[in-house]
Amino acid sequence: MSTSEATVIPIGDYAADAAGKTPAAPVAPAATSTAATAATAPAPATATTNARKARIPFLLRSSKRRQGCRRCLAAFDFLLRICAFGPTLAAAISTGTSDETLSFFTQFFQFHANYADFPAFTFFVIGNAIAAGYLVLSLPFSAVGILRPKATGLRLLLLIFDTVMVALTTAAASSASAIVYLAHNGNPKANWVAICMQFHGFCERTSGAVVGTFIAVLIFMLLVVMSAFAVRKH
């Protein structure tokens, strides 16, 4: 063997042979840099923009839907107040003008029935008159609620006064209904005679007034529930 010829062994091959393993294939620098760039690159701006565009109209639609719902509740509140005004005013007028005198007696000996003879009917007339007047005064405030659905203070004020009207009309209707019951049926144990057998017109007017007031009580209760719901939503 000539001394001038030497065997050249690569360092990488020598290290692999020493470890007893096949040397790994070299990684291309270009591929490595591309993968690193793709991993560290931020998300495309177009995807974020599209997500915002898809989200914002939904929020706008939900906001408009809430405002439209509040406006519908305010409009329904306005209509209910008009509906409650009729029964309360009619009950006050009907009872306040109830006056009947039996015609088959002489002018010196007559039976006369008037609402003022019963304190419960007097309270009934006053309570219905107050409720009717309140309903008229509350209409402008209810109309403002239609134009400004987010007026929370106004709705809270109506809620308080509506609750007071529920208590007033309920008390007036309950006291009058007790007298109407006695007028129709009497009370044999207390020797109270049923006067409706003679005073038919008086009993019909007062009975209809009591029914109308109870209808107004139900409307007032519905107004209270709606006002509480509107305040809670705000």
Protein backbone atom coordinates (compact mmCIF):
# COMPACT_ATOMS: atom_id res chain seq x y z
CA MET A 1 0.00 0.00 0.00
CA SER A 2 1.29 3.36 -0.95
CA THR A 3 1.69 5.87 1.83
CA SER A 4 0.57 8.67 -0.43
CA GLU A 5 -2.95 7.29 -0.66
CA ALA A 6 -4.94 7.93 2.53
CA THR A 7 -8.51 6.97 3.33
CA VAL A 8 -10.73 9.97 3.99
CA ILE A 9 -13.64 9.33 6.38
CA PRO A 10 -16.27 12.14 6.84
CA ILE A 11 -16.75 13.29 10.38
CA GLY A 12 -20.51 12.87 10.22
CA ASP A 13 -20.21 9.30 8.96
CA TYR A 14 -17.61 8.48 11.58
CA ALA A 15 -19.90 9.82 14.36
CA ALA A 16 -22.84 7.86 13.02
CA ASP A 17 -20.77 4.66 12.74
CA ALA A 18 -19.50 5.16 16.27
CA ALA A 19 -23.05 5.45 17.58
CA GLY A 20 -24.23 2.55 15.48
CA LYS A 21 -27.02 4.56 13.85
CA THR A 22 -27.77 5.83 10.40
CA PRO A 23 -27.21 9.58 10.13
CA ALA A 24 -30.39 11.62 9.84
CA ALA A 25 -31.16 13.32 6.60
CA PRO A 26 -30.28 16.99 6.65
CA VAL A 27 -33.19 19.40 6.97
CA ALA A 28 -33.56 21.88 4.21
CA PRO A 29 -33.07 25.40 5.54
CA ALA A 30 -35.75 26.81 3.27
CA ALA A 31 -38.45 24.44 4.58
CA THR A 32 -37.55 25.18 8.18
CA SER A 33 -37.76 28.91 7.73
CA THR A 34 -41.09 28.60 5.89
CA ALA A 35 -42.66 26.51 8.67
CA ALA A 36 -41.41 28.88 11.35
CA THR A 37 -42.77 31.86 9.47
CA ALA A 38 -46.16 30.16 9.06
CA ALA A 39 -46.28 29.28 12.76
CA THR A 40 -45.43 32.77 13.98
CA ALA A 41 -47.44 34.71 11.40
CA PRO A 42 -50.56 36.46 12.85
CA ALA A 43 -54.08 35.47 11.81
CA PRO A 44 -55.27 37.10 8.62
CA ALA A 45 -56.93 40.45 9.14
CA THR A 46 -59.73 39.55 6.75
CA ALA A 47 -61.00 36.76 9.04
CA THR A 48 -61.26 39.14 12.01
CA THR A 49 -62.98 41.77 9.88
CA ASN A 50 -65.50 39.26 8.57
CA ALA A 51 -66.24 38.05 12.12
CA ARG A 52 -66.86 41.61 13.27
CA LYS A 53 -69.10 42.30 10.29
CA ALA A 54 -71.08 39.16 11.05
CA ARG A 55 -71.37 40.03 14.74
CA ILE A 56 -72.27 43.75 14.61
CA PRO A 57 -75.50 43.46 12.56
CA PHE A 58 -76.76 40.79 14.96
CA LEU A 59 -76.19 43.12 17.91
CA LEU A 60 -77.92 45.93 16.10
CA ARG A 61 -80.86 43.72 15.28
CA SER A 62 -81.21 42.56 18.89
CA SER A 63 -81.06 46.15 20.16
CA LYS A 64 -83.72 47.25 17.70
CA ARG A 65 -85.83 44.27 18.66
CA ARG A 66 -85.67 45.19 22.36
CA GLN A 67 -86.56 48.80 21.62
CA GLY A 68 -89.47 47.71 19.44
CA CYS A 69 -90.73 45.39 22.18
CA ARG A 70 -90.63 48.22 24.73
CA ARG A 71 -92.47 50.49 22.34
CA CYS A 72 -95.17 47.88 21.80
CA LEU A 73 -95.59 47.49 25.57
CA ALA A 74 -95.90 51.27 25.94
CA ALA A 75 -98.53 51.41 23.18
CA PHE A 76 -100.48 48.57 24.80
CA ASP A 77 -100.22 50.40 28.13
CA PHE A 78 -101.74 53.50 26.51
CA LEU A 79 -104.66 51.49 25.11
CA LEU A 80 -105.32 49.77 28.43
CA ARG A 81 -105.55 53.11 30.19
CA ILE A 82 -108.18 54.25 27.70
CA CYS A 83 -110.08 50.99 28.24
CA ALA A 84 -109.96 51.36 32.03
CA PHE A 85 -111.16 54.96 31.86
CA GLY A 86 -114.57 53.92 30.51
CA PRO A 87 -115.60 51.51 33.30
CA THR A 88 -114.42 53.78 36.12
CA LEU A 89 -116.15 56.85 34.74
CA ALA A 90 -119.33 54.91 33.96
CA ALA A 91 -119.37 53.39 37.45
CA ALA A 92 -118.98 56.78 39.11
CA ILE A 93 -121.72 58.37 36.98
CA SER A 94 -124.09 55.42 37.20
CA THR A 95 -123.87 55.15 40.97
CA GLY A 96 -123.81 58.90 41.53
CA THR A 97 -127.06 59.34 39.59
CA SER A 98 -128.82 56.33 41.09
CA ASP A 99 -131.90 57.76 42.73
CA GLU A 100 -135.22 55.94 42.86
CA THR A 101 -138.46 56.67 44.68
CA LEU A 102 -141.35 54.24 44.87
CA SER A 103 -144.32 55.86 43.12
CA PHE A 104 -147.21 54.07 44.75
CA PHE A 105 -146.91 55.95 48.06
CA THR A 106 -148.15 59.41 48.87
CA GLN A 107 -145.87 62.40 49.03
CA PHE A 108 -145.96 62.28 52.82
CA PHE A 109 -144.95 58.63 53.04
CA GLN A 110 -142.41 57.51 50.43
CA PHE A 111 -139.58 55.05 50.14
CA HIS A 112 -136.50 56.58 48.64
CA ALA A 113 -133.14 55.00 47.65
CA ASN A 114 -130.08 57.12 46.92
CA TYR A 115 -126.37 56.33 46.84
CA ALA A 116 -125.73 59.00 49.51
CA ASP A 117 -127.77 56.94 51.96
CA PHE A 118 -125.00 54.33 51.95
CA PRO A 119 -121.45 55.38 52.99
CA ALA A 120 -120.02 52.46 51.03
CA PHE A 121 -121.58 53.78 47.82
CA THR A 122 -120.28 57.27 48.58
CA PHE A 123 -116.76 55.88 48.90
CA PHE A 124 -117.36 53.87 45.75
CA VAL A 125 -118.27 56.96 43.73
CA ILE A 126 -115.30 58.96 45.05
CA GLY A 127 -112.86 56.10 44.42
CA ASN A 128 -114.00 55.62 40.83
CA ALA A 129 -113.90 59.35 40.17
CA ILE A 130 -110.31 59.54 41.43
CA ALA A 131 -109.34 56.54 39.32
CA ALA A 132 -110.92 58.03 36.20
CA GLY A 133 -109.18 61.35 36.76
CA TYR A 134 -105.84 59.61 37.29
CA LEU A 135 -106.24 57.66 34.07
CA VAL A 136 -106.78 60.87 32.11
CA LEU A 137 -103.72 62.50 33.69
CA SER A 138 -101.57 59.43 33.06
CA LEU A 139 -102.27 59.31 29.32
CA PRO A 140 -99.62 61.95 28.38
CA PHE A 141 -97.01 60.13 30.47
CA SER A 142 -97.90 56.87 28.78
CA ALA A 143 -97.61 58.56 25.37
CA VAL A 144 -94.13 59.80 26.28
CA GLY A 145 -93.23 56.19 27.06
CA ILE A 146 -94.07 55.29 23.45
CA LEU A 147 -91.75 57.98 22.10
CA ARG A 148 -89.01 57.28 24.65
CA PRO A 149 -89.05 53.57 25.53
CA LYS A 150 -85.93 53.90 27.71
CA ALA A 151 -87.50 56.40 30.15
CA THR A 152 -87.13 54.24 33.26
CA GLY A 153 -88.06 56.95 35.77
CA LEU A 154 -91.36 57.61 34.04
CA ARG A 155 -92.28 53.93 34.02
CA LEU A 156 -91.40 53.65 37.70
CA LEU A 157 -93.62 56.64 38.54
CA LEU A 158 -96.57 55.09 36.69
CA LEU A 159 -95.91 51.78 38.43
CA ILE A 160 -96.21 53.40 41.86
CA PHE A 161 -99.44 55.25 41.07
CA ASP A 162 -100.96 52.24 39.30
CA THR A 163 -100.36 50.17 42.43
CA VAL A 164 -102.14 52.82 44.52
CA MET A 165 -105.07 52.76 42.08
CA VAL A 166 -105.29 48.98 42.34
CA ALA A 167 -105.69 49.27 46.10
CA LEU A 168 -108.21 52.12 45.86
CA THR A 169 -110.47 50.57 43.22
CA THR A 170 -110.34 47.15 44.89
CA ALA A 171 -111.43 48.64 48.22
CA ALA A 172 -114.21 50.66 46.57
CA ALA A 173 -115.53 47.72 44.56
CA SER A 174 -115.39 45.36 47.54
CA SER A 175 -117.32 47.69 49.84
CA ALA A 176 -119.96 48.38 47.20
CA SER A 177 -120.34 44.71 46.32
CA ALA A 178 -121.15 43.92 49.96
CA ILE A 179 -124.00 46.45 49.92
CA VAL A 180 -125.23 45.18 46.55
CA TYR A 181 -125.30 41.63 47.89
CA LEU A 182 -127.37 42.70 50.88
CA ALA A 183 -129.69 44.69 48.63
CA HIS A 184 -130.34 41.62 46.50
CA ASN A 185 -130.48 38.92 49.17
CA GLY A 186 -130.90 40.69 52.50
CA ASN A 187 -129.97 39.06 55.80
CA PRO A 188 -132.77 37.23 57.64
CA LYS A 189 -130.69 36.82 60.79
CA ALA A 190 -130.26 40.59 61.09
CA ASN A 191 -133.80 41.28 59.82
CA TRP A 192 -132.44 43.13 56.77
CA VAL A 193 -134.93 43.04 53.94
CA ALA A 194 -133.83 42.68 50.32
CA ILE A 195 -134.73 46.06 48.83
CA CYS A 196 -134.10 45.06 45.21
CA MET A 197 -137.59 43.57 45.02
CA GLN A 198 -138.90 47.15 45.13
CA PHE A 199 -135.98 49.29 43.86
CA HIS A 200 -135.20 47.50 40.63
CA GLY A 201 -133.58 50.44 38.82
CA PHE A 202 -131.38 51.35 41.77
CA CYS A 203 -130.08 47.80 42.13
CA GLU A 204 -129.45 47.37 38.41
CA ARG A 205 -127.39 50.55 38.18
CA THR A 206 -125.30 49.82 41.26
CA SER A 207 -124.75 46.18 40.28
CA GLY A 208 -123.52 47.15 36.82
CA ALA A 209 -121.23 49.78 38.35
CA VAL A 210 -119.64 47.19 40.65
CA VAL A 211 -118.99 44.82 37.73
CA GLY A 212 -117.42 47.65 35.70
CA THR A 213 -115.15 48.58 38.60
CA PHE A 214 -113.90 45.03 38.98
CA ILE A 215 -113.05 45.07 35.27
CA ALA A 216 -111.06 48.26 35.88
CA VAL A 217 -109.28 46.53 38.79
CA LEU A 218 -108.15 43.74 36.46
CA ILE A 219 -106.87 46.28 33.93
CA PHE A 220 -104.97 48.13 36.65
CA MET A 221 -103.37 44.88 37.77
CA LEU A 222 -102.29 44.18 34.20
CA LEU A 223 -100.83 47.69 33.97
CA VAL A 224 -98.82 47.08 37.14
CA VAL A 225 -97.42 43.82 35.77
CA MET A 226 -96.49 45.45 32.45
CA SER A 227 -94.82 48.43 34.14
CA ALA A 228 -92.83 46.14 36.42
CA PHE A 229 -91.75 44.08 33.43
CA ALA A 230 -90.67 47.18 31.51
CA VAL A 231 -88.67 48.54 34.49
CA ARG A 232 -87.00 45.17 34.96
CA LYS A 233 -85.98 45.03 31.29
CA HIS A 234 -84.34 48.44 31.59
